[in-house]
Amino acid sequence: MCVVFTDKAMSVFPKIEENSCDLEGRDYQLTKVGQYLKTMRTQQGLSLQHVTKRTHIQPKQLRAIEAGNWMHLPEAIYVKGFIKRYAQSLGLDGAAIANRLSVTPAVVNPKWLNRANFSAREQRIGQSLVSWWAKLTPLV
């Protein structure tokens, strides 16, 4: 297993060093965080529906967090926010718990950052809007 414990005494669940965060380690982290949150929720006698009302996170996503199932969750950065809100709804330090989950940013396609591509796309969109508006004007 690729898990590297960086600070054993600080948390119930390990934090993986940024360089070693692979899928196996990420799954392990989410499983540990999810189990911890589920334990705290059940100790407080709260249902998933109650937590859903507090956090506005869908029950299927809360179940996926508790089960450590990334396949039913959105991009990792959103999951980190969900975990923060979930923990806060239980009276825990949401930021500290969410920070224990290592996430890497999504891959950015360099073509998306090329300003020339944006301006060409904006011109096409502008032309289609002018065309659309020209078709509607006689109807008004």
N, C-alpha and C. Protein backbone atom coordinates (compact mmCIF):
# COMPACT_ATOMS: atom_id res chain seq x y z
N MET A 1 0.85 -1.19 0.00
CA MET A 1 0.00 0.00 0.00
C MET A 1 0.88 1.23 0.00
N CYS A 2 0.46 2.29 -0.67
CA CYS A 2 1.29 3.47 -0.85
C CYS A 2 1.12 4.52 0.24
N VAL A 3 0.36 4.23 1.27
CA VAL A 3 0.05 5.24 2.27
C VAL A 3 1.29 5.58 3.09
N VAL A 4 1.52 6.87 3.24
CA VAL A 4 2.63 7.36 4.07
C VAL A 4 2.01 8.20 5.16
N PHE A 5 2.22 7.81 6.40
CA PHE A 5 1.65 8.56 7.51
C PHE A 5 2.55 9.75 7.81
N THR A 6 2.01 10.96 7.64
CA THR A 6 2.82 12.14 7.84
C THR A 6 2.71 12.68 9.26
N ASP A 7 1.57 12.45 9.92
CA ASP A 7 1.40 12.96 11.27
C ASP A 7 0.40 12.05 11.98
N LYS A 8 0.89 10.97 12.58
CA LYS A 8 0.02 9.95 13.18
C LYS A 8 -0.79 10.49 14.34
N ALA A 9 -0.21 11.33 15.16
CA ALA A 9 -0.88 11.77 16.37
C ALA A 9 -1.93 12.83 16.10
N MET A 10 -1.87 13.47 14.93
CA MET A 10 -2.75 14.61 14.68
C MET A 10 -4.16 14.21 14.28
N SER A 11 -4.34 13.02 13.74
CA SER A 11 -5.64 12.71 13.19
C SER A 11 -5.99 11.24 13.32
N VAL A 12 -7.27 10.96 13.22
CA VAL A 12 -7.76 9.60 13.23
C VAL A 12 -7.39 8.91 11.92
N PHE A 13 -7.35 9.65 10.85
CA PHE A 13 -7.04 9.08 9.54
C PHE A 13 -5.78 9.73 8.99
N PRO A 14 -5.02 8.97 8.18
CA PRO A 14 -3.73 9.46 7.70
C PRO A 14 -3.86 10.46 6.58
N LYS A 15 -2.86 11.28 6.47
CA LYS A 15 -2.73 12.16 5.32
C LYS A 15 -1.62 11.60 4.45
N ILE A 16 -1.88 11.54 3.18
CA ILE A 16 -0.88 11.02 2.27
C ILE A 16 -0.04 12.18 1.77
N GLU A 17 1.26 11.97 1.65
CA GLU A 17 2.11 13.01 1.11
C GLU A 17 1.70 13.29 -0.31
N GLU A 18 1.75 14.55 -0.72
CA GLU A 18 1.29 14.97 -2.04
C GLU A 18 1.92 14.16 -3.16
N ASN A 19 3.19 13.82 -3.08
CA ASN A 19 3.88 13.12 -4.16
C ASN A 19 3.45 11.67 -4.30
N SER A 20 2.89 11.07 -3.26
CA SER A 20 2.58 9.66 -3.30
C SER A 20 1.08 9.40 -3.41
N CYS A 21 0.33 10.38 -3.75
CA CYS A 21 -1.13 10.23 -3.78
C CYS A 21 -1.55 9.54 -5.08
N ASP A 22 -1.76 8.25 -5.02
CA ASP A 22 -2.29 7.54 -6.17
C ASP A 22 -3.72 7.11 -5.86
N LEU A 23 -4.31 6.39 -6.77
CA LEU A 23 -5.72 6.01 -6.59
C LEU A 23 -5.93 5.14 -5.37
N GLU A 24 -5.04 4.22 -5.11
CA GLU A 24 -5.19 3.34 -3.96
C GLU A 24 -5.15 4.15 -2.65
N GLY A 25 -4.20 5.06 -2.54
CA GLY A 25 -4.09 5.89 -1.35
C GLY A 25 -5.27 6.82 -1.18
N ARG A 26 -5.74 7.37 -2.30
CA ARG A 26 -6.90 8.25 -2.26
C ARG A 26 -8.15 7.50 -1.80
N ASP A 27 -8.32 6.27 -2.28
CA ASP A 27 -9.45 5.45 -1.86
C ASP A 27 -9.37 5.15 -0.37
N TYR A 28 -8.17 4.84 0.09
CA TYR A 28 -7.96 4.55 1.50
C TYR A 28 -8.30 5.76 2.37
N GLN A 29 -7.85 6.93 1.94
CA GLN A 29 -8.15 8.16 2.68
C GLN A 29 -9.65 8.39 2.79
N LEU A 30 -10.34 8.33 1.64
CA LEU A 30 -11.78 8.58 1.65
C LEU A 30 -12.51 7.56 2.49
N THR A 31 -12.08 6.31 2.45
CA THR A 31 -12.71 5.27 3.27
C THR A 31 -12.57 5.60 4.74
N LYS A 32 -11.37 5.99 5.15
CA LYS A 32 -11.14 6.32 6.56
C LYS A 32 -11.95 7.55 6.99
N VAL A 33 -11.95 8.58 6.16
CA VAL A 33 -12.71 9.79 6.47
C VAL A 33 -14.20 9.46 6.52
N GLY A 34 -14.67 8.71 5.55
CA GLY A 34 -16.09 8.33 5.50
C GLY A 34 -16.52 7.53 6.70
N GLN A 35 -15.70 6.57 7.11
CA GLN A 35 -16.01 5.76 8.29
C GLN A 35 -16.08 6.62 9.54
N TYR A 36 -15.14 7.54 9.64
CA TYR A 36 -15.11 8.44 10.80
C TYR A 36 -16.38 9.29 10.85
N LEU A 37 -16.75 9.88 9.72
CA LEU A 37 -17.94 10.73 9.69
C LEU A 37 -19.21 9.92 9.96
N LYS A 38 -19.27 8.72 9.43
CA LYS A 38 -20.44 7.87 9.68
C LYS A 38 -20.54 7.51 11.15
N THR A 39 -19.41 7.19 11.76
CA THR A 39 -19.39 6.87 13.19
C THR A 39 -19.88 8.06 14.01
N MET A 40 -19.38 9.24 13.70
CA MET A 40 -19.79 10.43 14.44
C MET A 40 -21.29 10.72 14.23
N ARG A 41 -21.77 10.52 13.00
CA ARG A 41 -23.19 10.76 12.69
C ARG A 41 -24.07 9.80 13.48
N THR A 42 -23.71 8.52 13.48
CA THR A 42 -24.54 7.53 14.19
C THR A 42 -24.47 7.73 15.70
N GLN A 43 -23.31 8.15 16.22
CA GLN A 43 -23.21 8.43 17.66
C GLN A 43 -24.13 9.57 18.07
N GLN A 44 -24.35 10.51 17.16
CA GLN A 44 -25.24 11.63 17.45
C GLN A 44 -26.70 11.30 17.14
N GLY A 45 -26.94 10.11 16.63
CA GLY A 45 -28.31 9.68 16.33
C GLY A 45 -28.93 10.39 15.14
N LEU A 46 -28.11 10.81 14.19
CA LEU A 46 -28.60 11.54 13.02
C LEU A 46 -28.74 10.61 11.82
N SER A 47 -29.80 10.81 11.04
CA SER A 47 -29.98 10.06 9.81
C SER A 47 -29.32 10.81 8.66
N LEU A 48 -29.15 10.12 7.55
CA LEU A 48 -28.60 10.78 6.36
C LEU A 48 -29.53 11.89 5.89
N GLN A 49 -30.83 11.69 6.03
CA GLN A 49 -31.80 12.72 5.63
C GLN A 49 -31.61 14.00 6.46
N HIS A 50 -31.33 13.82 7.73
CA HIS A 50 -31.11 14.98 8.60
C HIS A 50 -29.84 15.74 8.17
N VAL A 51 -28.79 14.99 7.87
CA VAL A 51 -27.53 15.61 7.42
C VAL A 51 -27.74 16.28 6.07
N THR A 52 -28.55 15.66 5.21
CA THR A 52 -28.86 16.25 3.90
C THR A 52 -29.53 17.61 4.07
N LYS A 53 -30.45 17.71 5.00
CA LYS A 53 -31.14 18.99 5.24
C LYS A 53 -30.16 20.05 5.75
N ARG A 54 -29.21 19.64 6.56
CA ARG A 54 -28.23 20.59 7.10
C ARG A 54 -27.22 21.04 6.06
N THR A 55 -26.79 20.11 5.19
CA THR A 55 -25.67 20.38 4.29
C THR A 55 -26.07 20.66 2.85
N HIS A 56 -27.28 20.25 2.47
CA HIS A 56 -27.75 20.34 1.07
C HIS A 56 -26.90 19.47 0.14
N ILE A 57 -26.36 18.39 0.67
CA ILE A 57 -25.64 17.39 -0.12
C ILE A 57 -26.58 16.21 -0.29
N GLN A 58 -26.66 15.69 -1.51
CA GLN A 58 -27.58 14.60 -1.80
C GLN A 58 -27.23 13.35 -0.98
N PRO A 59 -28.26 12.60 -0.54
CA PRO A 59 -28.00 11.40 0.27
C PRO A 59 -27.11 10.38 -0.44
N LYS A 60 -27.26 10.24 -1.76
CA LYS A 60 -26.42 9.26 -2.47
C LYS A 60 -24.94 9.65 -2.40
N GLN A 61 -24.66 10.96 -2.38
CA GLN A 61 -23.28 11.41 -2.27
C GLN A 61 -22.76 11.23 -0.84
N LEU A 62 -23.62 11.45 0.14
CA LEU A 62 -23.21 11.20 1.53
C LEU A 62 -22.91 9.72 1.74
N ARG A 63 -23.76 8.84 1.17
CA ARG A 63 -23.52 7.40 1.27
C ARG A 63 -22.20 7.03 0.59
N ALA A 64 -21.92 7.65 -0.56
CA ALA A 64 -20.67 7.37 -1.28
C ALA A 64 -19.46 7.82 -0.46
N ILE A 65 -19.57 8.95 0.22
CA ILE A 65 -18.48 9.41 1.08
C ILE A 65 -18.27 8.42 2.21
N GLU A 66 -19.35 8.02 2.87
CA GLU A 66 -19.24 7.09 3.99
C GLU A 66 -18.68 5.73 3.56
N ALA A 67 -18.97 5.32 2.33
CA ALA A 67 -18.49 4.04 1.82
C ALA A 67 -17.10 4.15 1.18
N GLY A 68 -16.62 5.37 0.98
CA GLY A 68 -15.33 5.56 0.33
C GLY A 68 -15.38 5.25 -1.15
N ASN A 69 -16.51 5.52 -1.78
CA ASN A 69 -16.74 5.17 -3.18
C ASN A 69 -16.61 6.39 -4.08
N TRP A 70 -15.42 6.56 -4.67
CA TRP A 70 -15.16 7.71 -5.55
C TRP A 70 -16.00 7.67 -6.82
N MET A 71 -16.41 6.48 -7.25
CA MET A 71 -17.12 6.34 -8.52
C MET A 71 -18.48 7.06 -8.53
N HIS A 72 -19.05 7.30 -7.36
CA HIS A 72 -20.35 7.97 -7.27
C HIS A 72 -20.23 9.41 -6.79
N LEU A 73 -19.02 9.96 -6.92
CA LEU A 73 -18.77 11.32 -6.45
C LEU A 73 -18.22 12.18 -7.58
N PRO A 74 -18.40 13.50 -7.47
CA PRO A 74 -17.85 14.40 -8.49
C PRO A 74 -16.34 14.56 -8.33
N GLU A 75 -15.79 15.55 -9.00
CA GLU A 75 -14.35 15.86 -8.94
C GLU A 75 -13.90 15.98 -7.47
N ALA A 76 -12.69 15.54 -7.19
CA ALA A 76 -12.17 15.45 -5.83
C ALA A 76 -12.23 16.77 -5.06
N ILE A 77 -12.04 17.88 -5.73
CA ILE A 77 -12.07 19.17 -5.02
C ILE A 77 -13.47 19.45 -4.47
N TYR A 78 -14.51 18.99 -5.17
CA TYR A 78 -15.89 19.15 -4.68
C TYR A 78 -16.12 18.22 -3.48
N VAL A 79 -15.57 17.03 -3.55
CA VAL A 79 -15.71 16.08 -2.46
C VAL A 79 -15.09 16.65 -1.18
N LYS A 80 -13.98 17.33 -1.34
CA LYS A 80 -13.33 17.96 -0.19
C LYS A 80 -14.28 18.98 0.46
N GLY A 81 -14.97 19.76 -0.36
CA GLY A 81 -15.96 20.70 0.17
C GLY A 81 -17.13 20.00 0.82
N PHE A 82 -17.57 18.90 0.23
CA PHE A 82 -18.66 18.12 0.83
C PHE A 82 -18.26 17.61 2.21
N ILE A 83 -17.04 17.10 2.30
CA ILE A 83 -16.56 16.56 3.58
C ILE A 83 -16.48 17.67 4.62
N LYS A 84 -16.04 18.83 4.21
CA LYS A 84 -15.97 19.97 5.14
C LYS A 84 -17.36 20.31 5.67
N ARG A 85 -18.34 20.43 4.77
CA ARG A 85 -19.71 20.75 5.21
C ARG A 85 -20.30 19.64 6.06
N TYR A 86 -20.07 18.40 5.66
CA TYR A 86 -20.58 17.25 6.40
C TYR A 86 -20.04 17.28 7.83
N ALA A 87 -18.73 17.42 7.97
CA ALA A 87 -18.11 17.44 9.29
C ALA A 87 -18.62 18.62 10.14
N GLN A 88 -18.75 19.80 9.52
CA GLN A 88 -19.25 20.96 10.25
C GLN A 88 -20.68 20.74 10.73
N SER A 89 -21.48 20.03 9.93
CA SER A 89 -22.86 19.77 10.33
C SER A 89 -22.92 18.85 11.55
N LEU A 90 -21.84 18.12 11.79
CA LEU A 90 -21.77 17.23 12.96
C LEU A 90 -21.08 17.92 14.14
N GLY A 91 -20.72 19.19 13.98
CA GLY A 91 -20.06 19.92 15.06
C GLY A 91 -18.57 19.67 15.13
N LEU A 92 -18.00 19.17 14.03
CA LEU A 92 -16.56 18.88 13.98
C LEU A 92 -15.83 19.99 13.24
N ASP A 93 -14.52 19.97 13.30
CA ASP A 93 -13.71 20.94 12.58
C ASP A 93 -13.61 20.48 11.12
N GLY A 94 -14.53 20.97 10.30
CA GLY A 94 -14.63 20.55 8.91
C GLY A 94 -13.40 20.83 8.09
N ALA A 95 -12.79 21.98 8.30
CA ALA A 95 -11.60 22.34 7.53
C ALA A 95 -10.45 21.39 7.83
N ALA A 96 -10.25 21.05 9.09
CA ALA A 96 -9.16 20.14 9.46
C ALA A 96 -9.38 18.75 8.88
N ILE A 97 -10.61 18.28 8.92
CA ILE A 97 -10.91 16.96 8.38
C ILE A 97 -10.78 16.96 6.87
N ALA A 98 -11.30 17.98 6.20
CA ALA A 98 -11.20 18.05 4.74
C ALA A 98 -9.75 18.17 4.29
N ASN A 99 -8.93 18.85 5.05
CA ASN A 99 -7.52 19.00 4.68
C ASN A 99 -6.73 17.71 4.80
N ARG A 100 -7.29 16.72 5.47
CA ARG A 100 -6.62 15.43 5.58
C ARG A 100 -6.75 14.64 4.28
N LEU A 101 -7.65 15.06 3.41
CA LEU A 101 -7.86 14.38 2.13
C LEU A 101 -7.01 15.08 1.07
N SER A 102 -6.07 14.38 0.50
CA SER A 102 -5.21 14.95 -0.53
C SER A 102 -5.92 14.94 -1.86
N VAL A 103 -5.94 16.07 -2.52
CA VAL A 103 -6.53 16.13 -3.86
C VAL A 103 -5.54 16.79 -4.79
N THR A 104 -5.57 16.34 -6.02
CA THR A 104 -4.73 16.96 -7.04
C THR A 104 -5.65 17.67 -8.01
N PRO A 105 -5.26 18.81 -8.50
CA PRO A 105 -6.14 19.54 -9.41
C PRO A 105 -6.35 18.78 -10.71
N ALA A 106 -7.48 19.04 -11.35
CA ALA A 106 -7.79 18.41 -12.63
C ALA A 106 -6.77 18.86 -13.68
N VAL A 107 -6.54 17.99 -14.63
CA VAL A 107 -5.62 18.30 -15.71
C VAL A 107 -6.23 19.37 -16.60
N VAL A 108 -5.45 20.38 -16.93
CA VAL A 108 -5.92 21.47 -17.78
C VAL A 108 -5.33 21.31 -19.17
N ASN A 109 -6.16 21.36 -20.16
CA ASN A 109 -5.70 21.29 -21.54
C ASN A 109 -5.11 22.65 -21.91
N PRO A 110 -3.86 22.71 -22.35
CA PRO A 110 -3.23 23.99 -22.68
C PRO A 110 -3.99 24.76 -23.76
N LYS A 111 -4.72 24.07 -24.63
CA LYS A 111 -5.48 24.75 -25.67
C LYS A 111 -6.56 25.66 -25.06
N TRP A 112 -7.04 25.27 -23.88
CA TRP A 112 -8.07 26.07 -23.23
C TRP A 112 -7.54 27.43 -22.80
N LEU A 113 -6.25 27.51 -22.60
CA LEU A 113 -5.64 28.74 -22.09
C LEU A 113 -5.15 29.67 -23.19
N ASN A 114 -5.25 29.27 -24.42
CA ASN A 114 -4.79 30.08 -25.55
C ASN A 114 -5.83 31.14 -25.86
N ARG A 115 -5.48 32.38 -25.66
CA ARG A 115 -6.43 33.49 -25.85
C ARG A 115 -6.95 33.56 -27.29
N ALA A 116 -6.13 33.20 -28.28
CA ALA A 116 -6.57 33.22 -29.68
C ALA A 116 -7.75 32.28 -29.88
N ASN A 117 -7.73 31.13 -29.22
CA ASN A 117 -8.86 30.20 -29.33
C ASN A 117 -10.12 30.79 -28.71
N PHE A 118 -9.96 31.52 -27.61
CA PHE A 118 -11.12 32.14 -26.99
C PHE A 118 -11.73 33.20 -27.89
N SER A 119 -10.89 34.04 -28.46
CA SER A 119 -11.43 35.11 -29.29
C SER A 119 -12.10 34.56 -30.54
N ALA A 120 -11.56 33.51 -31.14
CA ALA A 120 -12.20 32.90 -32.31
C ALA A 120 -13.54 32.30 -31.92
N ARG A 121 -13.57 31.65 -30.78
CA ARG A 121 -14.82 31.06 -30.30
C ARG A 121 -15.85 32.16 -29.98
N GLU A 122 -15.39 33.25 -29.34
CA GLU A 122 -16.29 34.36 -29.02
C GLU A 122 -16.85 34.99 -30.29
N GLN A 123 -16.04 35.08 -31.35
CA GLN A 123 -16.52 35.64 -32.61
C GLN A 123 -17.60 34.77 -33.20
N ARG A 124 -17.41 33.45 -33.17
CA ARG A 124 -18.43 32.54 -33.70
C ARG A 124 -19.72 32.65 -32.90
N ILE A 125 -19.59 32.73 -31.58
CA ILE A 125 -20.78 32.85 -30.73
C ILE A 125 -21.46 34.18 -30.99
N GLY A 126 -20.68 35.25 -31.09
CA GLY A 126 -21.26 36.57 -31.37
C GLY A 126 -21.99 36.59 -32.70
N GLN A 127 -21.42 35.98 -33.71
CA GLN A 127 -22.08 35.93 -35.02
C GLN A 127 -23.37 35.14 -34.95
N SER A 128 -23.38 34.05 -34.22
CA SER A 128 -24.61 33.26 -34.12
C SER A 128 -25.68 34.01 -33.34
N LEU A 129 -25.28 34.79 -32.33
CA LEU A 129 -26.26 35.59 -31.58
C LEU A 129 -26.85 36.70 -32.46
N VAL A 130 -26.02 37.34 -33.27
CA VAL A 130 -26.51 38.38 -34.17
C VAL A 130 -27.49 37.76 -35.17
N SER A 131 -27.13 36.61 -35.70
CA SER A 131 -28.01 35.91 -36.64
C SER A 131 -29.33 35.54 -35.98
N TRP A 132 -29.26 35.02 -34.78
CA TRP A 132 -30.46 34.63 -34.03
C TRP A 132 -31.33 35.85 -33.76
N TRP A 133 -30.73 36.96 -33.34
CA TRP A 133 -31.47 38.18 -33.03
C TRP A 133 -32.12 38.74 -34.30
N ALA A 134 -31.43 38.66 -35.43
CA ALA A 134 -31.98 39.14 -36.71
C ALA A 134 -33.23 38.35 -37.08
N LYS A 135 -33.26 37.08 -36.78
CA LYS A 135 -34.42 36.25 -37.08
C LYS A 135 -35.59 36.58 -36.16
N LEU A 136 -35.31 36.98 -34.94
CA LEU A 136 -36.37 37.27 -33.99
C LEU A 136 -36.94 38.67 -34.15
N THR A 137 -36.15 39.61 -34.59
CA THR A 137 -36.58 41.02 -34.67
C THR A 137 -37.87 41.20 -35.48
N PRO A 138 -38.03 40.59 -36.65
CA PRO A 138 -39.28 40.78 -37.38
C PRO A 138 -40.51 40.26 -36.64
N LEU A 139 -40.31 39.29 -35.74
CA LEU A 139 -41.43 38.72 -35.00
C LEU A 139 -41.92 39.64 -33.89
N VAL A 140 -41.09 40.57 -33.46
CA VAL A 140 -41.44 41.44 -32.34
C VAL A 140 -42.13 42.65 -32.76
